[in-house]
N, C-alpha and C. Protein backbone atom coordinates (compact mmCIF):
# COMPACT_ATOMS: atom_id res chain seq x y z
N UNK A 1 -1.40 17.74 -65.76
CA UNK A 1 -0.82 16.67 -66.52
C UNK A 1 -0.58 15.50 -65.59
N UNK A 2 -1.20 14.37 -65.86
CA UNK A 2 -1.02 13.17 -65.06
C UNK A 2 -0.39 12.10 -65.92
N UNK A 3 0.40 11.33 -65.24
CA UNK A 3 1.01 10.20 -65.95
C UNK A 3 0.13 8.98 -65.78
N UNK A 4 0.22 8.07 -66.67
CA UNK A 4 -0.62 6.89 -66.61
C UNK A 4 0.08 5.82 -65.78
N UNK A 5 -0.15 5.89 -64.44
CA UNK A 5 0.46 4.93 -63.50
C UNK A 5 -0.64 4.28 -62.68
N UNK A 6 -0.25 3.34 -61.88
CA UNK A 6 -1.21 2.72 -60.96
C UNK A 6 -1.77 3.81 -60.07
N UNK A 7 -3.01 3.69 -59.60
CA UNK A 7 -3.65 4.74 -58.81
C UNK A 7 -2.81 5.15 -57.59
N UNK A 8 -2.12 4.21 -56.95
CA UNK A 8 -1.35 4.56 -55.76
C UNK A 8 -0.08 5.32 -56.10
N UNK A 9 0.34 5.29 -57.35
CA UNK A 9 1.58 5.97 -57.74
C UNK A 9 1.32 7.23 -58.56
N UNK A 10 0.05 7.55 -58.83
CA UNK A 10 -0.25 8.72 -59.64
C UNK A 10 0.19 9.98 -58.93
N UNK A 11 0.73 10.88 -59.63
CA UNK A 11 1.16 12.17 -59.10
C UNK A 11 0.36 13.25 -59.80
N UNK A 12 -0.25 14.08 -59.02
CA UNK A 12 -1.00 15.18 -59.60
C UNK A 12 -0.24 16.46 -59.28
N UNK A 13 -0.06 17.31 -60.22
CA UNK A 13 0.68 18.54 -60.00
C UNK A 13 -0.25 19.68 -59.65
N UNK A 14 -1.46 19.36 -59.31
CA UNK A 14 -2.44 20.37 -58.92
C UNK A 14 -2.28 20.72 -57.45
N UNK A 15 -3.41 20.83 -56.74
CA UNK A 15 -3.41 21.21 -55.32
C UNK A 15 -2.75 20.12 -54.48
N UNK A 16 -2.06 20.54 -53.41
CA UNK A 16 -1.36 19.62 -52.51
C UNK A 16 -2.22 19.46 -51.26
N UNK A 17 -2.42 18.23 -50.83
CA UNK A 17 -3.20 17.96 -49.62
C UNK A 17 -2.32 18.29 -48.40
N UNK A 18 -2.72 19.24 -47.52
CA UNK A 18 -1.88 19.66 -46.40
C UNK A 18 -1.90 18.69 -45.22
N UNK A 19 -2.78 17.72 -45.18
CA UNK A 19 -2.89 16.83 -44.03
C UNK A 19 -1.61 16.05 -43.75
N UNK A 20 -0.94 15.46 -44.72
CA UNK A 20 0.29 14.74 -44.40
C UNK A 20 1.38 15.68 -43.84
N UNK A 21 1.43 16.90 -44.32
CA UNK A 21 2.43 17.85 -43.84
C UNK A 21 2.14 18.25 -42.40
N UNK A 22 0.86 18.49 -42.08
CA UNK A 22 0.48 18.84 -40.71
C UNK A 22 0.76 17.68 -39.77
N UNK A 23 0.48 16.47 -40.23
CA UNK A 23 0.74 15.29 -39.41
C UNK A 23 2.23 15.14 -39.14
N UNK A 24 3.04 15.37 -40.15
CA UNK A 24 4.50 15.29 -39.99
C UNK A 24 4.99 16.37 -39.03
N UNK A 25 4.47 17.57 -39.14
CA UNK A 25 4.87 18.66 -38.26
C UNK A 25 4.52 18.33 -36.80
N UNK A 26 3.33 17.77 -36.57
CA UNK A 26 2.94 17.38 -35.20
C UNK A 26 3.85 16.29 -34.67
N UNK A 27 4.18 15.32 -35.50
CA UNK A 27 5.04 14.22 -35.08
C UNK A 27 6.43 14.74 -34.71
N UNK A 28 6.98 15.61 -35.53
CA UNK A 28 8.31 16.18 -35.26
C UNK A 28 8.28 17.01 -33.98
N UNK A 29 7.25 17.83 -33.79
CA UNK A 29 7.15 18.66 -32.59
C UNK A 29 7.05 17.78 -31.35
N UNK A 30 6.20 16.75 -31.39
CA UNK A 30 6.07 15.84 -30.27
C UNK A 30 7.38 15.11 -29.99
N UNK A 31 8.06 14.70 -31.01
CA UNK A 31 9.36 14.03 -30.86
C UNK A 31 10.39 14.93 -30.21
N UNK A 32 10.43 16.19 -30.63
CA UNK A 32 11.38 17.14 -30.02
C UNK A 32 11.04 17.41 -28.56
N UNK A 33 9.75 17.50 -28.26
CA UNK A 33 9.34 17.74 -26.86
C UNK A 33 9.75 16.56 -25.98
N UNK A 34 9.55 15.35 -26.49
CA UNK A 34 9.96 14.16 -25.71
C UNK A 34 11.47 14.12 -25.54
N UNK A 35 12.20 14.43 -26.58
CA UNK A 35 13.66 14.43 -26.49
C UNK A 35 14.14 15.48 -25.49
N UNK A 36 13.50 16.63 -25.46
CA UNK A 36 13.88 17.67 -24.51
C UNK A 36 13.60 17.23 -23.09
N UNK A 37 12.49 16.56 -22.86
CA UNK A 37 12.14 16.11 -21.52
C UNK A 37 13.11 15.04 -21.03
N UNK A 38 13.52 14.15 -21.91
CA UNK A 38 14.43 13.08 -21.53
C UNK A 38 15.86 13.59 -21.36
N UNK A 39 16.24 14.60 -22.07
CA UNK A 39 17.63 15.05 -22.03
C UNK A 39 17.90 16.11 -20.97
N UNK A 40 16.92 16.43 -20.10
CA UNK A 40 17.15 17.41 -19.05
C UNK A 40 18.20 16.89 -18.08
N UNK A 41 18.98 17.79 -17.54
CA UNK A 41 19.99 17.40 -16.56
C UNK A 41 19.59 17.92 -15.19
N UNK A 42 20.27 17.43 -14.17
CA UNK A 42 19.98 17.88 -12.82
C UNK A 42 20.77 19.14 -12.51
N UNK A 43 20.30 19.87 -11.53
CA UNK A 43 20.97 21.09 -11.10
C UNK A 43 21.62 20.81 -9.76
N UNK A 44 22.89 21.12 -9.62
CA UNK A 44 23.59 20.92 -8.36
C UNK A 44 23.13 21.99 -7.38
N UNK A 45 22.44 21.62 -6.28
CA UNK A 45 21.94 22.61 -5.34
C UNK A 45 23.00 23.11 -4.37
N UNK A 46 24.21 22.60 -4.45
CA UNK A 46 25.27 23.06 -3.57
C UNK A 46 25.58 22.04 -2.49
N UNK A 47 26.59 22.33 -1.68
CA UNK A 47 27.02 21.38 -0.65
C UNK A 47 26.00 21.28 0.48
N UNK A 48 25.91 20.09 1.04
CA UNK A 48 25.10 19.82 2.23
C UNK A 48 23.61 20.05 2.03
N UNK A 49 23.13 20.05 0.79
CA UNK A 49 21.70 20.20 0.55
C UNK A 49 21.07 18.82 0.71
N UNK A 50 20.13 18.72 1.62
CA UNK A 50 19.48 17.45 1.88
C UNK A 50 17.98 17.68 1.96
N UNK A 51 17.24 16.82 1.31
CA UNK A 51 15.79 16.88 1.43
C UNK A 51 15.37 15.64 2.19
N UNK A 52 14.73 15.86 3.30
CA UNK A 52 14.30 14.72 4.11
C UNK A 52 13.15 14.01 3.41
N UNK A 53 13.41 12.81 2.88
CA UNK A 53 12.35 12.05 2.27
C UNK A 53 11.96 10.90 3.19
N UNK A 54 12.44 10.94 4.40
CA UNK A 54 12.16 9.94 5.41
C UNK A 54 11.52 10.63 6.61
N UNK A 55 10.75 9.89 7.34
CA UNK A 55 10.20 10.39 8.59
C UNK A 55 10.82 9.57 9.71
N UNK A 56 11.44 10.25 10.64
CA UNK A 56 12.09 9.58 11.76
C UNK A 56 11.21 9.71 13.00
N UNK A 57 11.32 8.76 13.90
CA UNK A 57 10.48 8.69 15.10
C UNK A 57 10.61 9.97 15.91
N UNK A 58 9.54 10.77 15.97
CA UNK A 58 9.61 12.04 16.70
C UNK A 58 9.77 11.84 18.21
N UNK A 59 9.13 10.82 18.78
CA UNK A 59 9.26 10.61 20.22
C UNK A 59 10.70 10.26 20.59
N UNK A 60 11.34 9.44 19.77
CA UNK A 60 12.75 9.10 20.04
C UNK A 60 13.60 10.37 19.97
N UNK A 61 13.28 11.23 19.03
CA UNK A 61 14.02 12.50 18.94
C UNK A 61 13.83 13.31 20.22
N UNK A 62 12.58 13.52 20.64
CA UNK A 62 12.30 14.36 21.81
C UNK A 62 12.90 13.79 23.09
N UNK A 63 12.91 12.47 23.23
CA UNK A 63 13.33 11.83 24.48
C UNK A 63 14.79 11.39 24.49
N UNK A 64 15.43 11.32 23.31
CA UNK A 64 16.81 10.83 23.28
C UNK A 64 17.75 11.73 22.47
N UNK A 65 17.41 11.97 21.22
CA UNK A 65 18.33 12.74 20.35
C UNK A 65 18.51 14.15 20.87
N UNK A 66 17.41 14.85 21.13
CA UNK A 66 17.54 16.23 21.57
C UNK A 66 18.28 16.34 22.91
N UNK A 67 17.88 15.61 23.95
CA UNK A 67 18.60 15.77 25.22
C UNK A 67 20.00 15.14 25.25
N UNK A 68 20.17 13.97 24.62
CA UNK A 68 21.43 13.24 24.73
C UNK A 68 22.47 13.64 23.69
N UNK A 69 22.03 14.26 22.61
CA UNK A 69 22.98 14.69 21.58
C UNK A 69 22.98 16.21 21.46
N UNK A 70 21.88 16.79 21.02
CA UNK A 70 21.87 18.22 20.72
C UNK A 70 22.10 19.09 21.96
N UNK A 71 21.41 18.77 23.07
CA UNK A 71 21.59 19.57 24.29
C UNK A 71 22.87 19.18 25.02
N UNK A 72 23.14 17.88 25.14
CA UNK A 72 24.33 17.43 25.87
C UNK A 72 25.62 17.89 25.20
N UNK A 73 25.63 17.95 23.89
CA UNK A 73 26.83 18.37 23.15
C UNK A 73 26.85 19.87 22.89
N UNK A 74 25.87 20.59 23.45
CA UNK A 74 25.78 22.05 23.35
C UNK A 74 25.75 22.53 21.89
N UNK A 75 24.99 21.83 21.07
CA UNK A 75 24.89 22.21 19.66
C UNK A 75 24.25 23.58 19.50
N UNK A 76 23.34 23.93 20.39
CA UNK A 76 22.68 25.23 20.30
C UNK A 76 23.57 26.39 20.69
N UNK A 77 23.99 26.45 21.97
CA UNK A 77 24.79 27.59 22.42
C UNK A 77 26.26 27.47 22.08
N UNK A 78 26.75 26.24 21.92
CA UNK A 78 28.17 26.03 21.71
C UNK A 78 28.93 26.18 23.01
N UNK A 79 30.24 26.13 22.93
CA UNK A 79 31.09 26.34 24.10
C UNK A 79 31.28 27.83 24.31
N UNK A 80 31.76 28.24 25.49
CA UNK A 80 31.94 29.67 25.76
C UNK A 80 32.76 30.41 24.70
N UNK A 81 33.74 29.80 24.12
CA UNK A 81 34.57 30.45 23.11
C UNK A 81 33.96 30.53 21.72
N UNK A 82 32.76 29.97 21.54
CA UNK A 82 32.13 29.96 20.22
C UNK A 82 31.40 31.26 19.88
N UNK A 83 31.30 32.17 20.84
CA UNK A 83 30.71 33.50 20.62
C UNK A 83 29.32 33.47 19.99
N UNK A 84 28.48 32.56 20.45
CA UNK A 84 27.11 32.45 19.97
C UNK A 84 27.02 32.28 18.45
N UNK A 85 27.94 31.52 17.90
CA UNK A 85 27.91 31.28 16.45
C UNK A 85 27.44 29.87 16.14
N UNK A 86 26.75 29.27 17.09
CA UNK A 86 26.31 27.89 16.89
C UNK A 86 24.83 27.84 16.52
N UNK A 87 24.20 26.72 16.72
CA UNK A 87 22.89 26.45 16.12
C UNK A 87 21.70 27.21 16.72
N UNK A 88 21.85 27.88 17.86
CA UNK A 88 20.77 28.75 18.33
C UNK A 88 20.77 30.07 17.57
N UNK A 89 21.83 30.35 16.85
CA UNK A 89 21.95 31.57 16.06
C UNK A 89 21.72 31.20 14.60
N UNK A 90 20.47 31.32 14.15
CA UNK A 90 20.10 30.87 12.80
C UNK A 90 20.90 31.57 11.70
N UNK A 91 21.33 32.80 11.95
CA UNK A 91 22.10 33.52 10.91
C UNK A 91 23.56 33.07 10.87
N UNK A 92 23.98 32.29 11.85
CA UNK A 92 25.38 31.85 11.90
C UNK A 92 25.58 30.46 11.30
N UNK A 93 24.49 29.73 11.07
CA UNK A 93 24.62 28.37 10.55
C UNK A 93 23.90 28.23 9.22
N UNK A 94 24.41 27.34 8.38
CA UNK A 94 23.78 27.13 7.07
C UNK A 94 22.72 26.04 7.13
N UNK A 95 22.66 25.32 8.21
CA UNK A 95 21.68 24.26 8.34
C UNK A 95 21.44 23.92 9.79
N UNK A 96 20.35 23.29 10.07
CA UNK A 96 19.96 22.83 11.40
C UNK A 96 19.93 23.94 12.44
N UNK A 97 19.21 25.00 12.14
CA UNK A 97 18.99 26.05 13.14
C UNK A 97 18.12 25.47 14.24
N UNK A 98 18.52 25.68 15.48
CA UNK A 98 17.81 25.13 16.63
C UNK A 98 17.21 26.23 17.47
N UNK A 99 16.17 25.86 18.22
CA UNK A 99 15.51 26.80 19.12
C UNK A 99 15.77 26.35 20.56
N UNK A 100 16.06 27.30 21.42
CA UNK A 100 16.31 26.99 22.83
C UNK A 100 14.98 26.79 23.54
N UNK A 101 14.88 25.75 24.33
CA UNK A 101 13.68 25.49 25.13
C UNK A 101 14.04 24.53 26.25
N UNK A 102 13.15 24.42 27.23
CA UNK A 102 13.34 23.46 28.31
C UNK A 102 13.26 22.06 27.73
N UNK A 103 14.05 21.14 28.26
CA UNK A 103 13.99 19.76 27.74
C UNK A 103 12.57 19.19 27.85
N UNK A 104 12.19 18.40 26.87
CA UNK A 104 10.89 17.75 26.87
C UNK A 104 10.88 16.70 27.99
N UNK A 105 9.83 16.71 28.79
CA UNK A 105 9.70 15.76 29.90
C UNK A 105 9.19 14.43 29.36
N UNK A 106 10.06 13.43 29.38
CA UNK A 106 9.68 12.10 28.93
C UNK A 106 9.52 11.14 30.11
N UNK A 107 9.64 11.66 31.31
CA UNK A 107 9.46 10.83 32.51
C UNK A 107 10.41 9.65 32.57
N UNK A 108 11.57 9.75 31.95
CA UNK A 108 12.53 8.65 31.94
C UNK A 108 12.21 7.58 30.92
N UNK A 109 11.19 7.78 30.12
CA UNK A 109 10.79 6.77 29.12
C UNK A 109 11.09 7.22 27.70
N UNK A 110 10.32 6.68 26.81
CA UNK A 110 10.54 6.92 25.37
C UNK A 110 9.45 7.76 24.73
N UNK A 111 8.54 8.31 25.53
CA UNK A 111 7.46 9.15 24.99
C UNK A 111 7.31 10.38 25.87
N UNK A 112 7.06 11.54 25.25
CA UNK A 112 6.81 12.75 26.05
C UNK A 112 5.60 12.56 26.96
N UNK A 113 5.69 13.07 28.18
CA UNK A 113 4.61 12.97 29.14
C UNK A 113 3.42 13.80 28.67
N UNK A 114 3.70 14.97 28.08
CA UNK A 114 2.64 15.86 27.61
C UNK A 114 2.90 16.22 26.15
N UNK A 115 1.91 16.00 25.31
CA UNK A 115 2.03 16.36 23.89
C UNK A 115 2.06 17.87 23.69
N UNK A 116 1.62 18.62 24.68
CA UNK A 116 1.63 20.09 24.56
C UNK A 116 3.05 20.62 24.40
N UNK A 117 4.03 19.89 24.93
CA UNK A 117 5.44 20.32 24.82
C UNK A 117 5.99 20.15 23.40
N UNK A 118 5.38 19.30 22.62
CA UNK A 118 5.94 18.95 21.32
C UNK A 118 4.97 19.21 20.16
N UNK A 119 3.91 19.97 20.41
CA UNK A 119 2.90 20.22 19.39
C UNK A 119 3.40 21.10 18.26
N UNK A 120 2.58 21.22 17.23
CA UNK A 120 2.91 22.05 16.07
C UNK A 120 3.25 23.47 16.51
N UNK A 121 4.34 23.99 16.00
CA UNK A 121 4.77 25.34 16.32
C UNK A 121 5.63 25.44 17.56
N UNK A 122 5.79 24.34 18.28
CA UNK A 122 6.62 24.36 19.49
C UNK A 122 8.10 24.37 19.11
N UNK A 123 8.96 24.89 19.99
CA UNK A 123 10.41 24.85 19.71
C UNK A 123 10.91 23.42 19.50
N UNK A 124 10.38 22.47 20.27
CA UNK A 124 10.82 21.08 20.11
C UNK A 124 10.47 20.56 18.72
N UNK A 125 9.27 20.90 18.22
CA UNK A 125 8.85 20.48 16.89
C UNK A 125 9.75 21.11 15.82
N UNK A 126 10.10 22.39 16.02
CA UNK A 126 11.02 23.06 15.09
C UNK A 126 12.38 22.38 15.06
N UNK A 127 12.87 21.98 16.23
CA UNK A 127 14.16 21.29 16.29
C UNK A 127 14.10 19.93 15.61
N UNK A 128 12.98 19.23 15.78
CA UNK A 128 12.79 17.95 15.10
C UNK A 128 12.87 18.14 13.59
N UNK A 129 12.18 19.15 13.08
CA UNK A 129 12.19 19.40 11.64
C UNK A 129 13.58 19.74 11.14
N UNK A 130 14.30 20.59 11.88
CA UNK A 130 15.65 20.96 11.47
C UNK A 130 16.59 19.76 11.47
N UNK A 131 16.52 18.96 12.52
CA UNK A 131 17.40 17.79 12.63
C UNK A 131 17.04 16.73 11.58
N UNK A 132 15.75 16.57 11.28
CA UNK A 132 15.34 15.58 10.29
C UNK A 132 15.89 15.90 8.91
N UNK A 133 16.07 17.18 8.61
CA UNK A 133 16.60 17.57 7.30
C UNK A 133 18.05 17.15 7.11
N UNK A 134 18.77 16.94 8.20
CA UNK A 134 20.18 16.56 8.10
C UNK A 134 20.41 15.12 8.57
N UNK A 135 19.33 14.36 8.67
CA UNK A 135 19.39 12.96 9.09
C UNK A 135 19.19 12.06 7.89
N UNK A 136 19.70 10.83 7.98
CA UNK A 136 19.57 9.85 6.91
C UNK A 136 19.45 8.47 7.53
N UNK A 137 18.80 7.56 6.83
CA UNK A 137 18.74 6.17 7.31
C UNK A 137 20.15 5.59 7.39
N UNK A 138 21.03 6.02 6.51
CA UNK A 138 22.44 5.64 6.59
C UNK A 138 23.14 6.70 7.41
N UNK A 139 23.17 6.49 8.71
CA UNK A 139 23.67 7.53 9.62
C UNK A 139 25.11 7.95 9.29
N UNK A 140 25.90 7.06 8.72
CA UNK A 140 27.30 7.38 8.42
C UNK A 140 27.44 8.42 7.31
N UNK A 141 26.36 8.67 6.57
CA UNK A 141 26.40 9.71 5.53
C UNK A 141 25.57 10.93 5.92
N UNK A 142 24.91 10.87 7.07
CA UNK A 142 24.03 11.97 7.50
C UNK A 142 24.85 13.16 7.99
N UNK A 143 24.55 14.37 7.52
CA UNK A 143 25.27 15.54 8.01
C UNK A 143 25.21 15.72 9.52
N UNK A 144 24.14 15.27 10.18
CA UNK A 144 24.04 15.40 11.63
C UNK A 144 25.11 14.54 12.32
N UNK A 145 25.64 13.55 11.63
CA UNK A 145 26.73 12.72 12.13
C UNK A 145 28.08 13.19 11.58
N UNK A 146 28.16 13.39 10.28
CA UNK A 146 29.43 13.68 9.60
C UNK A 146 30.01 15.03 10.02
N UNK A 147 29.19 16.07 10.06
CA UNK A 147 29.71 17.42 10.36
C UNK A 147 30.26 17.54 11.77
N UNK A 148 29.58 17.05 12.81
CA UNK A 148 30.14 17.18 14.16
C UNK A 148 31.43 16.39 14.38
N UNK A 149 31.76 15.50 13.45
CA UNK A 149 33.05 14.82 13.54
C UNK A 149 34.20 15.78 13.20
N UNK A 150 33.85 16.96 12.70
CA UNK A 150 34.85 17.95 12.33
C UNK A 150 34.93 18.16 10.83
N UNK A 151 34.06 17.50 10.06
CA UNK A 151 34.04 17.65 8.60
C UNK A 151 33.12 18.80 8.22
N UNK A 152 33.69 19.88 7.64
CA UNK A 152 32.91 21.06 7.24
C UNK A 152 32.15 21.63 8.43
N UNK A 153 32.79 21.64 9.58
CA UNK A 153 32.21 22.14 10.82
C UNK A 153 33.32 22.90 11.54
N UNK A 154 33.00 23.98 12.23
CA UNK A 154 34.06 24.76 12.88
C UNK A 154 34.95 23.98 13.84
N UNK A 155 34.38 23.00 14.52
CA UNK A 155 35.20 22.19 15.43
C UNK A 155 34.56 20.81 15.57
N UNK A 156 35.34 19.85 16.02
CA UNK A 156 34.81 18.51 16.26
C UNK A 156 33.97 18.54 17.54
N UNK A 157 32.78 17.98 17.48
CA UNK A 157 31.87 17.94 18.62
C UNK A 157 31.95 16.59 19.32
N UNK A 158 32.08 15.54 18.55
CA UNK A 158 32.23 14.21 19.12
C UNK A 158 33.06 13.35 18.19
N UNK A 159 33.56 12.23 18.74
CA UNK A 159 34.34 11.26 17.97
C UNK A 159 33.40 10.17 17.46
N UNK A 160 33.87 9.40 16.52
CA UNK A 160 33.05 8.35 15.91
C UNK A 160 32.62 7.29 16.92
N UNK A 161 33.33 7.16 18.04
CA UNK A 161 32.98 6.15 19.04
C UNK A 161 32.23 6.75 20.24
N UNK A 162 31.80 8.00 20.13
CA UNK A 162 31.05 8.67 21.21
C UNK A 162 29.68 8.02 21.37
N UNK A 163 29.15 7.91 22.60
CA UNK A 163 27.80 7.37 22.79
C UNK A 163 26.72 8.15 22.02
N UNK A 164 26.95 9.41 21.72
CA UNK A 164 25.98 10.19 20.94
C UNK A 164 25.77 9.57 19.56
N UNK A 165 26.80 8.95 19.02
CA UNK A 165 26.69 8.32 17.70
C UNK A 165 25.71 7.14 17.77
N UNK A 166 25.73 6.39 18.87
CA UNK A 166 24.80 5.28 19.02
C UNK A 166 23.36 5.79 19.07
N UNK A 167 23.14 6.93 19.73
CA UNK A 167 21.80 7.52 19.78
C UNK A 167 21.34 7.87 18.36
N UNK A 168 22.21 8.49 17.58
CA UNK A 168 21.86 8.83 16.19
C UNK A 168 21.61 7.57 15.37
N UNK A 169 22.42 6.55 15.58
CA UNK A 169 22.26 5.29 14.84
C UNK A 169 20.90 4.66 15.16
N UNK A 170 20.53 4.68 16.42
CA UNK A 170 19.23 4.11 16.82
C UNK A 170 18.09 4.94 16.22
N UNK A 171 18.24 6.26 16.19
CA UNK A 171 17.18 7.09 15.60
C UNK A 171 17.04 6.81 14.11
N UNK A 172 18.15 6.57 13.43
CA UNK A 172 18.11 6.29 11.99
C UNK A 172 17.32 5.01 11.69
N UNK A 173 17.28 4.11 12.65
CA UNK A 173 16.58 2.83 12.45
C UNK A 173 15.11 2.90 12.82
N UNK A 174 14.68 4.02 13.39
CA UNK A 174 13.28 4.12 13.86
C UNK A 174 12.42 4.88 12.87
């Protein structure tokens, strides 16, 4: 039974064309997928989680940061009373595990004399990677600076006016 209306308004009570329904279902599904993608939230990875999205000058690290900060401040072995609970003991620290090795020979300059000392897989390269994870271009927010001040660290390693801070600040700019 059809009513006598304009062709665009005619309604037929016979078979229903499924194409508009399928099109609507696809549109709704796509809309929900987009809404789900936009409404995702971030996951808190916990305290002191840092992903190094910067690359810092490795030569400056080998010739200045490692000897003048990490080794000079005994970040690896700690002081005698620390009972080997510092950064040479990877199971004792939550970040910046360090490897003990002879200082890289920079000949008093800003570049290692021999690249063999700092090649892939070397202890110096491992220390660079560990330190880079806790470094930031804004040194005042970098865990490598903030924690040794005594914040979330077993003891204060240096004060904010220590020369080691200037070394870290210079590395952040390189």
